[in-house]
Amino acid sequence: MVRYRARVIWTLMLLLAPWSVGGVWAGPPTDQLRDGVDRVFAILRDPALEGDTKVIQRRSAISKVAGEIFDFGEMAKRSLGPHWTQRTPAERGEFVRLFTALIERSYISRVDQHGSEKTIFRGETVADDQAVVRTTLLLSNGGEMPLDYRMRNTAGRWLVYDLNVDGISLVANYRAQFNKIIRIDSYGALVAKLALKSNQAEFSVPAAAPSGPKVAR
């Protein structure tokens, strides 16, 4: 499996790519995800937030939208796996904060730099409070990347807790890496790595090779 640095996953996925097309029937999960896409697009094209002098304001706005779309707490819990139950409430809170920073830092910088990719919404599957929104990311090189958003209904809102790139789970990938660090060293060592900005890019992420150029329908 080809693995890239954590920040590169957002180049491949461009999680909330600002251009979206569709036409298939969609329910609340897709509608709420699409709403996030539109809101990020609005931020990126806002004249008042353009330019290098507005980087902080622009990325802060994108961060706010991301926080309303992702269930970072659930992502963190699932990424830590069985080690989550062994943590104190204070440790859990710290881990969620560090994990969120890891994801947001990579996500925001990539979304802020790229805007040419497109997302096609293919459909959704809903079972009780769980849903999968199927999409295809049209890459700027003409290739395609299957990308599924796994969501759950929390207090009436659908939030993303995992992403699958061509069947490869982002959360499962992080969980394997975190578990290895804890097993070989300690939980404290994992926290230290997450806390150090210079080491946050050490965690690799799954990436499927994009298919060849295709004509979007």
N, C-alpha and C. Protein backbone atom coordinates (compact mmCIF):
# COMPACT_ATOMS: atom_id res chain seq x y z
N MET A 1 0.85 -1.19 0.00
CA MET A 1 0.00 0.00 0.00
C MET A 1 0.89 1.24 0.00
N VAL A 2 0.60 2.12 -0.90
CA VAL A 2 1.33 3.38 -0.95
C VAL A 2 0.83 4.27 0.17
N ARG A 3 1.75 4.84 0.96
CA ARG A 3 1.37 5.67 2.08
C ARG A 3 2.01 7.03 1.95
N TYR A 4 1.28 8.03 2.28
CA TYR A 4 1.77 9.40 2.18
C TYR A 4 1.70 10.07 3.55
N ARG A 5 2.35 11.18 3.66
CA ARG A 5 2.30 11.96 4.89
C ARG A 5 0.88 12.44 5.14
N ALA A 6 0.58 12.71 6.41
CA ALA A 6 -0.80 13.05 6.80
C ALA A 6 -1.36 14.20 6.00
N ARG A 7 -0.58 15.22 5.74
CA ARG A 7 -1.13 16.38 5.05
C ARG A 7 -1.51 16.09 3.61
N VAL A 8 -0.92 15.04 3.00
CA VAL A 8 -1.16 14.76 1.58
C VAL A 8 -2.54 14.17 1.33
N ILE A 9 -3.14 13.54 2.34
CA ILE A 9 -4.45 12.94 2.12
C ILE A 9 -5.48 13.96 1.66
N TRP A 10 -5.32 15.18 2.12
CA TRP A 10 -6.31 16.18 1.75
C TRP A 10 -6.11 16.65 0.32
N THR A 11 -4.91 16.49 -0.21
CA THR A 11 -4.71 16.80 -1.61
C THR A 11 -5.44 15.77 -2.47
N LEU A 12 -5.38 14.50 -2.04
CA LEU A 12 -6.02 13.42 -2.80
C LEU A 12 -7.53 13.44 -2.61
N MET A 13 -7.95 13.67 -1.37
CA MET A 13 -9.38 13.67 -1.09
C MET A 13 -10.01 15.02 -1.35
N LEU A 14 -9.30 16.06 -0.94
CA LEU A 14 -9.84 17.42 -0.87
C LEU A 14 -11.24 17.35 -0.28
N LEU A 15 -11.22 17.01 0.97
CA LEU A 15 -12.39 16.60 1.71
C LEU A 15 -13.65 17.38 1.40
N LEU A 16 -13.56 18.66 1.33
CA LEU A 16 -14.72 19.46 0.99
C LEU A 16 -14.43 20.23 -0.28
N ALA A 17 -14.14 19.50 -1.35
CA ALA A 17 -13.80 20.14 -2.61
C ALA A 17 -14.88 21.16 -2.97
N PRO A 18 -14.48 22.39 -3.32
CA PRO A 18 -15.46 23.46 -3.48
C PRO A 18 -16.36 23.37 -4.69
N TRP A 19 -16.09 22.46 -5.58
CA TRP A 19 -16.99 22.29 -6.71
C TRP A 19 -17.69 20.94 -6.57
N SER A 20 -19.00 20.92 -6.63
CA SER A 20 -19.72 19.65 -6.51
C SER A 20 -20.81 19.57 -7.56
N VAL A 21 -20.99 18.37 -8.05
CA VAL A 21 -22.05 18.12 -9.02
C VAL A 21 -22.76 16.86 -8.60
N GLY A 22 -23.97 16.68 -9.07
CA GLY A 22 -24.70 15.50 -8.67
C GLY A 22 -25.94 15.32 -9.51
N GLY A 23 -27.02 14.95 -8.87
CA GLY A 23 -28.24 14.72 -9.61
C GLY A 23 -28.97 13.51 -9.07
N VAL A 24 -28.28 12.67 -8.25
CA VAL A 24 -28.92 11.51 -7.68
C VAL A 24 -29.78 11.95 -6.51
N TRP A 25 -30.74 11.10 -6.15
CA TRP A 25 -31.57 11.41 -5.00
C TRP A 25 -30.70 11.38 -3.76
N ALA A 26 -30.94 12.32 -2.85
CA ALA A 26 -30.14 12.37 -1.64
C ALA A 26 -31.02 12.73 -0.46
N GLY A 27 -30.67 12.18 0.70
CA GLY A 27 -31.38 12.49 1.93
C GLY A 27 -30.57 13.42 2.80
N PRO A 28 -30.91 13.54 4.07
CA PRO A 28 -30.24 14.46 4.99
C PRO A 28 -28.71 14.31 5.07
N PRO A 29 -28.14 13.09 5.11
CA PRO A 29 -26.68 13.00 5.19
C PRO A 29 -25.98 13.71 4.03
N THR A 30 -26.42 13.43 2.81
CA THR A 30 -25.82 14.06 1.64
C THR A 30 -26.10 15.56 1.62
N ASP A 31 -27.32 15.92 1.97
CA ASP A 31 -27.68 17.34 1.97
C ASP A 31 -26.80 18.14 2.93
N GLN A 32 -26.57 17.60 4.12
CA GLN A 32 -25.77 18.31 5.10
C GLN A 32 -24.30 18.36 4.70
N LEU A 33 -23.81 17.28 4.08
CA LEU A 33 -22.43 17.27 3.59
C LEU A 33 -22.27 18.27 2.45
N ARG A 34 -23.24 18.28 1.55
CA ARG A 34 -23.19 19.21 0.42
C ARG A 34 -23.25 20.66 0.90
N ASP A 35 -24.01 20.89 1.97
CA ASP A 35 -24.09 22.23 2.55
C ASP A 35 -22.69 22.68 3.00
N GLY A 36 -21.93 21.75 3.58
CA GLY A 36 -20.57 22.08 3.99
C GLY A 36 -19.70 22.43 2.81
N VAL A 37 -19.87 21.69 1.72
CA VAL A 37 -19.12 21.96 0.50
C VAL A 37 -19.39 23.39 0.03
N ASP A 38 -20.66 23.74 -0.01
CA ASP A 38 -21.04 25.08 -0.47
C ASP A 38 -20.49 26.18 0.44
N ARG A 39 -20.50 25.91 1.73
CA ARG A 39 -20.01 26.92 2.68
C ARG A 39 -18.50 27.14 2.54
N VAL A 40 -17.75 26.06 2.33
CA VAL A 40 -16.31 26.21 2.13
C VAL A 40 -16.05 26.96 0.84
N PHE A 41 -16.81 26.64 -0.21
CA PHE A 41 -16.67 27.31 -1.49
C PHE A 41 -16.91 28.81 -1.32
N ALA A 42 -17.93 29.16 -0.52
CA ALA A 42 -18.25 30.57 -0.30
C ALA A 42 -17.09 31.29 0.40
N ILE A 43 -16.43 30.60 1.32
CA ILE A 43 -15.29 31.19 2.02
C ILE A 43 -14.13 31.42 1.06
N LEU A 44 -13.86 30.43 0.23
CA LEU A 44 -12.72 30.52 -0.69
C LEU A 44 -12.90 31.60 -1.76
N ARG A 45 -14.15 31.91 -2.10
CA ARG A 45 -14.39 32.90 -3.14
C ARG A 45 -14.77 34.27 -2.59
N ASP A 46 -14.79 34.40 -1.27
CA ASP A 46 -15.15 35.67 -0.63
C ASP A 46 -14.04 36.70 -0.85
N PRO A 47 -14.29 37.79 -1.57
CA PRO A 47 -13.26 38.80 -1.84
C PRO A 47 -12.66 39.38 -0.55
N ALA A 48 -13.45 39.43 0.50
CA ALA A 48 -12.97 40.00 1.76
C ALA A 48 -11.96 39.09 2.45
N LEU A 49 -11.87 37.82 1.99
CA LEU A 49 -10.95 36.87 2.62
C LEU A 49 -9.84 36.42 1.68
N GLU A 50 -9.70 37.09 0.55
CA GLU A 50 -8.69 36.71 -0.43
C GLU A 50 -7.30 37.23 -0.05
N GLY A 51 -6.28 36.56 -0.59
CA GLY A 51 -4.92 37.05 -0.44
C GLY A 51 -4.18 36.53 0.77
N ASP A 52 -2.85 36.70 0.73
CA ASP A 52 -1.98 36.21 1.80
C ASP A 52 -2.22 36.93 3.12
N THR A 53 -2.68 38.16 3.06
CA THR A 53 -2.88 38.92 4.29
C THR A 53 -4.12 38.46 5.05
N LYS A 54 -4.94 37.65 4.41
CA LYS A 54 -6.17 37.17 5.03
C LYS A 54 -6.12 35.67 5.34
N VAL A 55 -4.92 35.11 5.33
CA VAL A 55 -4.78 33.67 5.55
C VAL A 55 -5.37 33.24 6.88
N ILE A 56 -5.03 33.94 7.94
CA ILE A 56 -5.50 33.54 9.27
C ILE A 56 -7.02 33.59 9.36
N GLN A 57 -7.61 34.68 8.87
CA GLN A 57 -9.08 34.80 8.92
C GLN A 57 -9.75 33.75 8.05
N ARG A 58 -9.19 33.52 6.86
CA ARG A 58 -9.78 32.56 5.93
C ARG A 58 -9.73 31.14 6.50
N ARG A 59 -8.58 30.77 7.03
CA ARG A 59 -8.44 29.42 7.56
C ARG A 59 -9.23 29.23 8.84
N SER A 60 -9.40 30.29 9.60
CA SER A 60 -10.23 30.21 10.80
C SER A 60 -11.68 29.93 10.42
N ALA A 61 -12.13 30.57 9.35
CA ALA A 61 -13.51 30.36 8.87
C ALA A 61 -13.70 28.93 8.38
N ILE A 62 -12.69 28.41 7.66
CA ILE A 62 -12.76 27.03 7.18
C ILE A 62 -12.76 26.06 8.35
N SER A 63 -11.96 26.36 9.37
CA SER A 63 -11.89 25.51 10.56
C SER A 63 -13.24 25.43 11.25
N LYS A 64 -13.94 26.54 11.30
CA LYS A 64 -15.26 26.57 11.94
C LYS A 64 -16.24 25.65 11.20
N VAL A 65 -16.21 25.70 9.86
CA VAL A 65 -17.08 24.84 9.07
C VAL A 65 -16.72 23.37 9.29
N ALA A 66 -15.42 23.07 9.31
CA ALA A 66 -14.97 21.70 9.51
C ALA A 66 -15.47 21.16 10.84
N GLY A 67 -15.45 22.01 11.87
CA GLY A 67 -15.91 21.59 13.17
C GLY A 67 -17.39 21.27 13.23
N GLU A 68 -18.14 21.80 12.26
CA GLU A 68 -19.58 21.55 12.21
C GLU A 68 -19.92 20.37 11.30
N ILE A 69 -18.93 19.83 10.62
CA ILE A 69 -19.15 18.72 9.69
C ILE A 69 -18.55 17.42 10.23
N PHE A 70 -17.41 17.53 10.90
CA PHE A 70 -16.74 16.35 11.44
C PHE A 70 -17.06 16.12 12.90
N ASP A 71 -17.21 14.87 13.26
CA ASP A 71 -17.31 14.49 14.67
C ASP A 71 -15.91 14.11 15.12
N PHE A 72 -15.09 15.12 15.43
CA PHE A 72 -13.70 14.87 15.77
C PHE A 72 -13.56 14.01 17.01
N GLY A 73 -14.49 14.16 17.96
CA GLY A 73 -14.44 13.34 19.16
C GLY A 73 -14.60 11.86 18.84
N GLU A 74 -15.54 11.55 17.97
CA GLU A 74 -15.77 10.15 17.58
C GLU A 74 -14.60 9.63 16.75
N MET A 75 -14.06 10.45 15.87
CA MET A 75 -12.90 10.05 15.08
C MET A 75 -11.72 9.73 15.98
N ALA A 76 -11.50 10.58 16.98
CA ALA A 76 -10.39 10.37 17.90
C ALA A 76 -10.59 9.07 18.69
N LYS A 77 -11.80 8.87 19.19
CA LYS A 77 -12.11 7.67 19.96
C LYS A 77 -11.87 6.41 19.15
N ARG A 78 -12.36 6.38 17.94
CA ARG A 78 -12.20 5.21 17.09
C ARG A 78 -10.74 5.02 16.67
N SER A 79 -10.01 6.11 16.49
CA SER A 79 -8.61 6.01 16.10
C SER A 79 -7.74 5.47 17.24
N LEU A 80 -8.12 5.76 18.47
CA LEU A 80 -7.37 5.25 19.62
C LEU A 80 -7.75 3.81 19.93
N GLY A 81 -8.92 3.39 19.46
CA GLY A 81 -9.33 2.00 19.59
C GLY A 81 -9.49 1.54 21.04
N PRO A 82 -9.02 0.33 21.37
CA PRO A 82 -9.20 -0.22 22.72
C PRO A 82 -8.50 0.58 23.81
N HIS A 83 -7.54 1.40 23.44
CA HIS A 83 -6.82 2.20 24.42
C HIS A 83 -7.68 3.34 24.97
N TRP A 84 -8.78 3.65 24.27
CA TRP A 84 -9.65 4.74 24.71
C TRP A 84 -10.25 4.45 26.09
N THR A 85 -10.68 3.22 26.32
CA THR A 85 -11.33 2.87 27.58
C THR A 85 -10.38 2.97 28.77
N GLN A 86 -9.09 2.92 28.52
CA GLN A 86 -8.10 2.98 29.59
C GLN A 86 -7.74 4.41 29.97
N ARG A 87 -8.23 5.36 29.24
CA ARG A 87 -7.87 6.76 29.48
C ARG A 87 -8.83 7.43 30.46
N THR A 88 -8.32 8.36 31.23
CA THR A 88 -9.15 9.14 32.14
C THR A 88 -9.90 10.20 31.34
N PRO A 89 -10.94 10.80 31.90
CA PRO A 89 -11.65 11.87 31.19
C PRO A 89 -10.71 12.99 30.74
N ALA A 90 -9.75 13.36 31.57
CA ALA A 90 -8.81 14.42 31.21
C ALA A 90 -7.93 13.99 30.05
N GLU A 91 -7.48 12.73 30.07
CA GLU A 91 -6.64 12.22 28.98
C GLU A 91 -7.43 12.15 27.68
N ARG A 92 -8.69 11.77 27.76
CA ARG A 92 -9.52 11.71 26.56
C ARG A 92 -9.70 13.11 25.96
N GLY A 93 -9.94 14.07 26.82
CA GLY A 93 -10.11 15.44 26.34
C GLY A 93 -8.85 15.94 25.66
N GLU A 94 -7.69 15.65 26.23
CA GLU A 94 -6.43 16.07 25.65
C GLU A 94 -6.19 15.39 24.31
N PHE A 95 -6.50 14.09 24.24
CA PHE A 95 -6.28 13.35 23.01
C PHE A 95 -7.17 13.87 21.88
N VAL A 96 -8.44 14.14 22.20
CA VAL A 96 -9.35 14.68 21.19
C VAL A 96 -8.83 16.01 20.67
N ARG A 97 -8.34 16.85 21.58
CA ARG A 97 -7.82 18.16 21.17
C ARG A 97 -6.62 18.01 20.24
N LEU A 98 -5.69 17.13 20.58
CA LEU A 98 -4.49 16.94 19.77
C LEU A 98 -4.82 16.28 18.43
N PHE A 99 -5.73 15.32 18.45
CA PHE A 99 -6.11 14.64 17.21
C PHE A 99 -6.83 15.61 16.28
N THR A 100 -7.70 16.42 16.84
CA THR A 100 -8.41 17.42 16.04
C THR A 100 -7.43 18.38 15.38
N ALA A 101 -6.43 18.81 16.14
CA ALA A 101 -5.42 19.72 15.60
C ALA A 101 -4.65 19.06 14.46
N LEU A 102 -4.36 17.78 14.61
CA LEU A 102 -3.65 17.03 13.56
C LEU A 102 -4.45 17.02 12.26
N ILE A 103 -5.73 16.71 12.35
CA ILE A 103 -6.58 16.65 11.17
C ILE A 103 -6.83 18.03 10.59
N GLU A 104 -7.18 18.98 11.45
CA GLU A 104 -7.51 20.31 10.96
C GLU A 104 -6.34 21.00 10.29
N ARG A 105 -5.16 20.85 10.88
CA ARG A 105 -4.00 21.54 10.31
C ARG A 105 -3.74 21.07 8.87
N SER A 106 -3.83 19.76 8.67
CA SER A 106 -3.61 19.22 7.32
C SER A 106 -4.75 19.61 6.39
N TYR A 107 -5.97 19.46 6.88
CA TYR A 107 -7.15 19.73 6.07
C TYR A 107 -7.22 21.18 5.62
N ILE A 108 -7.09 22.08 6.59
CA ILE A 108 -7.27 23.50 6.28
C ILE A 108 -6.23 24.01 5.29
N SER A 109 -4.98 23.62 5.49
CA SER A 109 -3.92 24.10 4.60
C SER A 109 -4.13 23.61 3.18
N ARG A 110 -4.64 22.38 3.02
CA ARG A 110 -4.84 21.82 1.69
C ARG A 110 -6.06 22.41 1.00
N VAL A 111 -7.14 22.54 1.74
CA VAL A 111 -8.35 23.12 1.15
C VAL A 111 -8.08 24.57 0.74
N ASP A 112 -7.26 25.25 1.53
CA ASP A 112 -6.95 26.65 1.24
C ASP A 112 -6.09 26.80 -0.01
N GLN A 113 -5.35 25.76 -0.37
CA GLN A 113 -4.42 25.85 -1.49
C GLN A 113 -4.98 25.31 -2.79
N HIS A 114 -6.01 24.47 -2.71
CA HIS A 114 -6.51 23.81 -3.92
C HIS A 114 -7.99 24.09 -4.11
N GLY A 115 -8.40 24.21 -5.35
CA GLY A 115 -9.81 24.45 -5.61
C GLY A 115 -10.27 23.97 -6.96
N SER A 116 -9.44 23.17 -7.63
CA SER A 116 -9.78 22.77 -9.00
C SER A 116 -10.47 21.42 -9.08
N GLU A 117 -10.36 20.61 -8.03
CA GLU A 117 -10.99 19.30 -8.05
C GLU A 117 -12.50 19.42 -7.90
N LYS A 118 -13.21 18.38 -8.32
CA LYS A 118 -14.66 18.37 -8.22
C LYS A 118 -15.10 17.09 -7.51
N THR A 119 -16.22 17.18 -6.82
CA THR A 119 -16.79 16.02 -6.15
C THR A 119 -18.14 15.69 -6.77
N ILE A 120 -18.32 14.45 -7.16
CA ILE A 120 -19.61 13.97 -7.67
C ILE A 120 -20.26 13.14 -6.57
N PHE A 121 -21.45 13.49 -6.17
CA PHE A 121 -22.19 12.73 -5.18
C PHE A 121 -22.91 11.59 -5.89
N ARG A 122 -22.60 10.35 -5.48
CA ARG A 122 -23.12 9.17 -6.17
C ARG A 122 -24.36 8.57 -5.50
N GLY A 123 -24.56 8.88 -4.24
CA GLY A 123 -25.70 8.31 -3.53
C GLY A 123 -25.37 8.08 -2.07
N GLU A 124 -26.33 7.58 -1.34
CA GLU A 124 -26.12 7.34 0.09
C GLU A 124 -26.86 6.10 0.54
N THR A 125 -26.38 5.51 1.64
CA THR A 125 -27.03 4.38 2.28
C THR A 125 -27.21 4.73 3.75
N VAL A 126 -28.44 4.60 4.24
CA VAL A 126 -28.74 4.96 5.61
C VAL A 126 -29.32 3.76 6.35
N ALA A 127 -28.79 3.49 7.54
CA ALA A 127 -29.29 2.42 8.40
C ALA A 127 -29.35 2.96 9.83
N ASP A 128 -30.54 3.27 10.27
CA ASP A 128 -30.74 3.85 11.60
C ASP A 128 -29.97 5.16 11.72
N ASP A 129 -29.00 5.22 12.65
CA ASP A 129 -28.26 6.47 12.84
C ASP A 129 -26.91 6.45 12.15
N GLN A 130 -26.71 5.50 11.23
CA GLN A 130 -25.46 5.41 10.48
C GLN A 130 -25.73 5.64 8.99
N ALA A 131 -24.78 6.24 8.31
CA ALA A 131 -24.95 6.49 6.87
C ALA A 131 -23.60 6.50 6.17
N VAL A 132 -23.63 6.17 4.89
CA VAL A 132 -22.46 6.27 4.03
C VAL A 132 -22.85 7.09 2.82
N VAL A 133 -22.12 8.18 2.59
CA VAL A 133 -22.35 9.01 1.41
C VAL A 133 -21.23 8.69 0.43
N ARG A 134 -21.61 8.18 -0.73
CA ARG A 134 -20.64 7.76 -1.74
C ARG A 134 -20.37 8.90 -2.72
N THR A 135 -19.11 9.20 -2.92
CA THR A 135 -18.73 10.25 -3.86
C THR A 135 -17.55 9.78 -4.71
N THR A 136 -17.30 10.54 -5.75
CA THR A 136 -16.11 10.34 -6.57
C THR A 136 -15.43 11.69 -6.72
N LEU A 137 -14.15 11.71 -6.42
CA LEU A 137 -13.38 12.94 -6.56
C LEU A 137 -12.73 12.96 -7.94
N LEU A 138 -13.05 13.99 -8.72
CA LEU A 138 -12.45 14.16 -10.04
C LEU A 138 -11.17 14.98 -9.87
N LEU A 139 -10.03 14.35 -10.11
CA LEU A 139 -8.75 15.00 -9.90
C LEU A 139 -8.37 15.89 -11.07
N SER A 140 -7.50 16.83 -10.80
CA SER A 140 -7.12 17.79 -11.83
C SER A 140 -6.35 17.14 -12.98
N ASN A 141 -5.78 15.92 -12.74
CA ASN A 141 -5.05 15.24 -13.80
C ASN A 141 -5.96 14.38 -14.68
N GLY A 142 -7.27 14.44 -14.42
CA GLY A 142 -8.21 13.67 -15.22
C GLY A 142 -8.60 12.35 -14.61
N GLY A 143 -7.95 11.95 -13.52
CA GLY A 143 -8.27 10.70 -12.87
C GLY A 143 -9.45 10.83 -11.92
N GLU A 144 -9.86 9.69 -11.35
CA GLU A 144 -10.97 9.66 -10.41
C GLU A 144 -10.55 8.94 -9.14
N MET A 145 -11.11 9.34 -8.01
CA MET A 145 -10.82 8.73 -6.73
C MET A 145 -12.11 8.47 -5.97
N PRO A 146 -12.49 7.18 -5.77
CA PRO A 146 -13.68 6.89 -4.97
C PRO A 146 -13.45 7.33 -3.53
N LEU A 147 -14.42 8.03 -2.95
CA LEU A 147 -14.30 8.52 -1.59
C LEU A 147 -15.65 8.42 -0.89
N ASP A 148 -15.69 7.62 0.17
CA ASP A 148 -16.92 7.45 0.94
C ASP A 148 -16.80 8.16 2.28
N TYR A 149 -17.86 8.87 2.65
CA TYR A 149 -17.93 9.54 3.94
C TYR A 149 -18.82 8.71 4.86
N ARG A 150 -18.28 8.25 5.96
CA ARG A 150 -19.08 7.53 6.95
C ARG A 150 -19.57 8.55 7.98
N MET A 151 -20.88 8.55 8.19
CA MET A 151 -21.49 9.57 9.04
C MET A 151 -22.40 8.92 10.08
N ARG A 152 -22.66 9.65 11.14
CA ARG A 152 -23.62 9.19 12.14
C ARG A 152 -24.48 10.37 12.57
N ASN A 153 -25.70 10.06 12.98
CA ASN A 153 -26.63 11.08 13.40
C ASN A 153 -26.42 11.37 14.88
N THR A 154 -26.00 12.60 15.17
CA THR A 154 -25.76 13.02 16.54
C THR A 154 -26.65 14.22 16.84
N ALA A 155 -27.61 14.01 17.72
CA ALA A 155 -28.53 15.09 18.11
C ALA A 155 -29.20 15.73 16.91
N GLY A 156 -29.58 14.91 15.95
CA GLY A 156 -30.31 15.40 14.79
C GLY A 156 -29.47 15.91 13.65
N ARG A 157 -28.13 15.83 13.79
CA ARG A 157 -27.26 16.30 12.71
C ARG A 157 -26.32 15.17 12.29
N TRP A 158 -26.11 15.05 10.97
CA TRP A 158 -25.22 14.03 10.44
C TRP A 158 -23.80 14.57 10.40
N LEU A 159 -22.89 13.85 11.05
CA LEU A 159 -21.49 14.26 11.13
C LEU A 159 -20.57 13.15 10.62
N VAL A 160 -19.48 13.53 10.00
CA VAL A 160 -18.51 12.58 9.44
C VAL A 160 -17.61 12.07 10.55
N TYR A 161 -17.46 10.73 10.64
CA TYR A 161 -16.55 10.16 11.63
C TYR A 161 -15.45 9.29 11.00
N ASP A 162 -15.54 9.06 9.69
CA ASP A 162 -14.49 8.31 9.01
C ASP A 162 -14.62 8.54 7.51
N LEU A 163 -13.52 8.31 6.80
CA LEU A 163 -13.50 8.42 5.35
C LEU A 163 -12.79 7.20 4.78
N ASN A 164 -13.33 6.69 3.69
CA ASN A 164 -12.72 5.56 3.01
C ASN A 164 -12.26 5.98 1.62
N VAL A 165 -10.96 5.81 1.36
CA VAL A 165 -10.42 6.07 0.04
C VAL A 165 -10.30 4.73 -0.67
N ASP A 166 -11.19 4.49 -1.60
CA ASP A 166 -11.19 3.23 -2.35
C ASP A 166 -11.20 2.05 -1.39
N GLY A 167 -12.01 2.15 -0.33
CA GLY A 167 -12.16 1.05 0.62
C GLY A 167 -11.17 1.04 1.77
N ILE A 168 -10.26 2.00 1.80
CA ILE A 168 -9.25 2.06 2.86
C ILE A 168 -9.67 3.12 3.87
N SER A 169 -9.82 2.71 5.13
CA SER A 169 -10.32 3.60 6.18
C SER A 169 -9.23 4.49 6.75
N LEU A 170 -9.52 5.80 6.83
CA LEU A 170 -8.59 6.74 7.45
C LEU A 170 -8.44 6.44 8.93
N VAL A 171 -9.56 6.21 9.62
CA VAL A 171 -9.53 5.94 11.06
C VAL A 171 -8.77 4.65 11.36
N ALA A 172 -9.02 3.60 10.59
CA ALA A 172 -8.33 2.32 10.82
C ALA A 172 -6.83 2.47 10.61
N ASN A 173 -6.45 3.30 9.65
CA ASN A 173 -5.04 3.52 9.38
C ASN A 173 -4.36 4.21 10.56
N TYR A 174 -4.99 5.26 11.08
CA TYR A 174 -4.45 5.94 12.25
C TYR A 174 -4.43 5.00 13.45
N ARG A 175 -5.49 4.19 13.63
CA ARG A 175 -5.57 3.29 14.77
C ARG A 175 -4.40 2.30 14.77
N ALA A 176 -4.04 1.79 13.61
CA ALA A 176 -2.93 0.85 13.51
C ALA A 176 -1.61 1.52 13.92
N GLN A 177 -1.42 2.76 13.47
CA GLN A 177 -0.19 3.48 13.80
C GLN A 177 -0.13 3.85 15.28
N PHE A 178 -1.25 4.33 15.82
CA PHE A 178 -1.29 4.71 17.23
C PHE A 178 -1.06 3.49 18.12
N ASN A 179 -1.69 2.38 17.77
CA ASN A 179 -1.55 1.15 18.54
C ASN A 179 -0.11 0.67 18.56
N LYS A 180 0.56 0.81 17.42
CA LYS A 180 1.95 0.37 17.33
C LYS A 180 2.84 1.20 18.25
N ILE A 181 2.62 2.50 18.26
CA ILE A 181 3.42 3.38 19.12
C ILE A 181 3.19 3.05 20.59
N ILE A 182 1.93 2.85 20.97
CA ILE A 182 1.60 2.54 22.36
C ILE A 182 2.18 1.19 22.76
N ARG A 183 2.08 0.21 21.86
CA ARG A 183 2.57 -1.13 22.16
C ARG A 183 4.08 -1.17 22.31
N ILE A 184 4.78 -0.49 21.43
CA ILE A 184 6.24 -0.50 21.45
C ILE A 184 6.80 0.44 22.52
N ASP A 185 6.14 1.58 22.69
CA ASP A 185 6.64 2.58 23.63
C ASP A 185 5.63 2.80 24.75
N SER A 186 4.74 3.77 24.59
CA SER A 186 3.74 4.05 25.62
C SER A 186 2.70 5.02 25.08
N TYR A 187 1.60 5.16 25.82
CA TYR A 187 0.60 6.14 25.45
C TYR A 187 1.18 7.54 25.54
N GLY A 188 2.01 7.77 26.54
CA GLY A 188 2.64 9.07 26.71
C GLY A 188 3.48 9.45 25.50
N ALA A 189 4.13 8.46 24.89
CA ALA A 189 4.96 8.72 23.71
C ALA A 189 4.08 9.16 22.55
N LEU A 190 2.89 8.56 22.43
CA LEU A 190 1.97 8.95 21.36
C LEU A 190 1.52 10.39 21.55
N VAL A 191 1.16 10.74 22.77
CA VAL A 191 0.71 12.10 23.06
C VAL A 191 1.83 13.09 22.76
N ALA A 192 3.05 12.72 23.11
CA ALA A 192 4.19 13.61 22.86
C ALA A 192 4.37 13.85 21.36
N LYS A 193 4.20 12.81 20.56
CA LYS A 193 4.34 12.95 19.11
C LYS A 193 3.25 13.86 18.55
N LEU A 194 2.03 13.69 19.05
CA LEU A 194 0.93 14.52 18.57
C LEU A 194 1.12 15.97 19.00
N ALA A 195 1.71 16.16 20.16
CA ALA A 195 1.87 17.52 20.69
C ALA A 195 2.95 18.31 19.97
N LEU A 196 3.92 17.61 19.39
CA LEU A 196 5.01 18.29 18.70
C LEU A 196 4.61 18.59 17.26
N LYS A 197 4.51 19.85 16.92
CA LYS A 197 4.11 20.22 15.56
C LYS A 197 5.03 19.62 14.52
N SER A 198 6.30 19.54 14.83
CA SER A 198 7.26 19.04 13.85
C SER A 198 7.07 17.56 13.57
N ASN A 199 6.38 16.85 14.49
CA ASN A 199 6.20 15.41 14.30
C ASN A 199 4.81 15.04 13.81
N GLN A 200 3.92 16.02 13.71
CA GLN A 200 2.56 15.69 13.33
C GLN A 200 2.46 15.12 11.93
N ALA A 201 3.39 15.48 11.06
CA ALA A 201 3.35 14.96 9.69
C ALA A 201 3.91 13.56 9.60
N GLU A 202 4.37 12.97 10.73
CA GLU A 202 4.92 11.63 10.68
C GLU A 202 3.85 10.58 10.44
N PHE A 203 2.63 10.87 10.83
CA PHE A 203 1.58 9.88 10.71
C PHE A 203 1.11 9.79 9.26
N SER A 204 1.28 8.63 8.67
CA SER A 204 0.91 8.46 7.27
C SER A 204 -0.55 8.10 7.16
N VAL A 205 -1.08 8.23 5.96
CA VAL A 205 -2.49 8.00 5.72
C VAL A 205 -2.66 7.12 4.51
N PRO A 206 -3.84 6.46 4.38
CA PRO A 206 -4.06 5.58 3.24
C PRO A 206 -4.29 6.35 1.96
N ALA A 207 -3.85 5.80 0.87
CA ALA A 207 -4.10 6.45 -0.43
C ALA A 207 -4.20 5.37 -1.49
N ALA A 208 -5.28 5.41 -2.24
CA ALA A 208 -5.45 4.47 -3.35
C ALA A 208 -5.00 5.17 -4.61
N ALA A 209 -4.38 4.42 -5.50
CA ALA A 209 -3.93 5.00 -6.75
C ALA A 209 -5.13 5.41 -7.58
N PRO A 210 -5.19 6.64 -8.04
CA PRO A 210 -6.34 7.10 -8.82
C PRO A 210 -6.43 6.38 -10.15
N SER A 211 -7.65 6.19 -10.61
CA SER A 211 -7.84 5.57 -11.91
C SER A 211 -7.42 6.53 -13.00
N GLY A 212 -7.33 6.02 -14.21
CA GLY A 212 -6.92 6.83 -15.33
C GLY A 212 -7.95 7.88 -15.68
N PRO A 213 -7.58 8.79 -16.57
CA PRO A 213 -8.51 9.87 -16.97
C PRO A 213 -9.84 9.33 -17.47
N LYS A 214 -10.91 9.97 -17.03
CA LYS A 214 -12.24 9.62 -17.47
C LYS A 214 -13.03 10.89 -17.74
N VAL A 215 -14.02 10.76 -18.55
CA VAL A 215 -14.85 11.91 -18.85
C VAL A 215 -16.02 11.90 -17.87
N ALA A 216 -16.18 12.99 -17.14
CA ALA A 216 -17.26 13.09 -16.16
C ALA A 216 -18.59 13.17 -16.88
N ARG A 217 -19.54 12.41 -16.33
CA ARG A 217 -20.87 12.41 -16.93
C ARG A 217 -21.77 13.37 -16.21
